[in-house]
């Protein structure tokens, strides 16, 4: 991503949980204009996870790369925090989205904003 100030989000939706193999997936948001794949773009494949959300992943290792809301052009891309350099996002704080899908055995331990669906 180009030099921007990304917003961090922990997503608790059932699809993110399954893909991450964890109670949530950590993503950072960025504009479509600021995001670019610098190598390996030929390996990217997408699938339509839900009627209005496409997920892009690596066709070799299946690592989640990013997701996009297809029916809202102004929505940011949701880039997997795991693929970014830790020092590049060390300053990012993470809010919570789709907490309505939070599994009962996991408890959010911070006071960051919580959203039942996509944030504003």
Protein backbone atom coordinates (compact mmCIF):
# COMPACT_ATOMS: atom_id res chain seq x y z
CA UNK A 1 0.00 0.00 0.00
CA UNK A 2 1.12 3.51 -0.61
CA UNK A 3 1.82 5.76 2.35
CA UNK A 4 -1.60 6.24 3.87
CA UNK A 5 -3.01 5.92 7.35
CA UNK A 6 -4.94 2.65 7.27
CA UNK A 7 -7.75 1.77 9.62
CA UNK A 8 -7.52 -1.61 11.30
CA UNK A 9 -10.53 -3.86 11.69
CA UNK A 10 -11.04 -7.23 13.31
CA UNK A 11 -13.85 -8.95 11.42
CA UNK A 12 -15.91 -11.58 13.22
CA UNK A 13 -18.14 -12.66 10.32
CA UNK A 14 -18.43 -16.41 9.80
CA UNK A 15 -16.54 -16.34 6.49
CA UNK A 16 -13.57 -14.42 7.91
CA UNK A 17 -13.45 -16.74 10.91
CA UNK A 18 -13.33 -19.80 8.66
CA UNK A 19 -10.69 -18.35 6.35
CA UNK A 20 -8.51 -17.22 9.27
CA UNK A 21 -9.08 -20.39 11.28
CA UNK A 22 -9.52 -18.08 14.24
CA UNK A 23 -12.23 -16.09 16.03
CA UNK A 24 -11.61 -13.13 13.69
CA UNK A 25 -9.58 -11.93 10.74
CA UNK A 26 -7.46 -8.78 11.06
CA UNK A 27 -7.56 -6.43 8.09
CA UNK A 28 -6.51 -2.89 7.30
CA UNK A 29 -8.54 -0.70 5.01
CA UNK A 30 -7.21 1.32 2.15
CA UNK A 31 -8.55 3.08 -0.89
CA UNK A 32 -8.59 1.23 -4.17
CA UNK A 33 -6.22 3.85 -5.58
CA UNK A 34 -3.64 3.39 -2.82
CA UNK A 35 -3.46 -0.41 -3.03
CA UNK A 36 -1.32 -2.25 -5.55
CA UNK A 37 0.12 -5.73 -5.79
CA UNK A 38 3.85 -5.35 -6.44
CA UNK A 39 4.59 -8.96 -7.36
CA UNK A 40 2.65 -12.15 -7.93
CA UNK A 41 -0.49 -10.52 -9.34
CA UNK A 42 -0.69 -13.30 -11.93
CA UNK A 43 -1.28 -15.73 -9.05
CA UNK A 44 -4.29 -13.88 -7.66
CA UNK A 45 -7.71 -15.47 -8.01
CA UNK A 46 -11.01 -14.24 -6.72
CA UNK A 47 -14.22 -15.79 -5.64
CA UNK A 48 -17.56 -14.28 -4.83
CA UNK A 49 -17.89 -14.98 -1.11
CA UNK A 50 -21.33 -13.38 -0.83
CA UNK A 51 -23.50 -11.59 -3.40
CA UNK A 52 -21.71 -8.27 -2.88
CA UNK A 53 -18.24 -9.27 -1.65
CA UNK A 54 -15.29 -10.63 -3.64
CA UNK A 55 -12.24 -12.14 -1.95
CA UNK A 56 -8.83 -12.33 -3.61
CA UNK A 57 -6.30 -14.95 -2.56
CA UNK A 58 -3.11 -16.59 -3.80
CA UNK A 59 -3.80 -19.54 -6.10
CA UNK A 60 -0.69 -21.35 -4.81
CA UNK A 61 -0.71 -20.96 -1.04
CA UNK A 62 -4.32 -19.74 -0.69
CA UNK A 63 -3.29 -16.86 1.57
CA UNK A 64 -6.01 -14.25 1.82
CA UNK A 65 -4.84 -11.03 0.16
CA UNK A 66 -7.80 -8.63 0.11
CA UNK A 67 -11.54 -8.33 -0.17
CA UNK A 68 -13.80 -5.77 -1.76
CA UNK A 69 -17.43 -4.78 -1.42
CA UNK A 70 -18.55 -4.89 -5.06
CA UNK A 71 -21.74 -2.85 -4.85
CA UNK A 72 -20.23 0.14 -3.01
CA UNK A 73 -17.47 1.73 -5.06
CA UNK A 74 -16.64 4.18 -2.27
CA UNK A 75 -15.98 1.41 0.26
CA UNK A 76 -12.32 0.69 0.99
CA UNK A 77 -10.52 -2.52 0.24
CA UNK A 78 -10.00 -4.85 3.20
CA UNK A 79 -6.37 -6.02 3.06
CA UNK A 80 -5.23 -8.94 5.20
CA UNK A 81 -3.03 -7.53 7.96
CA UNK A 82 -1.03 -10.78 7.93
CA UNK A 83 0.48 -10.04 4.50
CA UNK A 84 1.75 -6.59 5.47
CA UNK A 85 5.08 -5.79 7.07
CA UNK A 86 4.54 -5.57 10.85
CA UNK A 87 6.46 -2.30 11.16
CA UNK A 88 4.29 -0.70 8.46
CA UNK A 89 1.13 -1.18 10.52
CA UNK A 90 2.54 -1.11 14.06
CA UNK A 91 0.76 2.20 14.75
CA UNK A 92 -2.67 0.93 13.62
CA UNK A 93 -5.40 0.32 16.18
CA UNK A 94 -8.11 -2.20 15.37
CA UNK A 95 -11.86 -1.64 15.66
CA UNK A 96 -14.33 -4.52 15.51
CA UNK A 97 -16.93 -5.33 12.84
CA UNK A 98 -19.64 -7.95 12.51
CA UNK A 99 -19.56 -8.43 16.26
CA UNK A 100 -23.10 -9.79 15.94
CA UNK A 101 -21.33 -12.96 14.71
CA UNK A 102 -18.85 -13.11 17.59
CA UNK A 103 -18.42 -16.68 18.82
CA UNK A 104 -19.48 -17.10 22.46
CA UNK A 105 -16.12 -18.48 23.60
CA UNK A 106 -14.12 -15.40 22.52
CA UNK A 107 -14.20 -12.13 24.44
CA UNK A 108 -13.07 -8.79 23.05
CA UNK A 109 -10.72 -7.35 25.66
CA UNK A 110 -10.43 -3.72 24.52
CA UNK A 111 -12.74 -0.74 24.34
CA UNK A 112 -12.32 0.01 20.62
CA UNK A 113 -15.51 0.71 18.63
CA UNK A 114 -17.72 -2.28 17.84
CA UNK A 115 -20.04 -2.53 14.83
CA UNK A 116 -22.74 -5.11 14.13
CA UNK A 117 -22.10 -4.77 10.37
CA UNK A 118 -19.79 -2.63 8.25
CA UNK A 119 -18.66 0.56 10.00
CA UNK A 120 -20.39 3.78 8.85
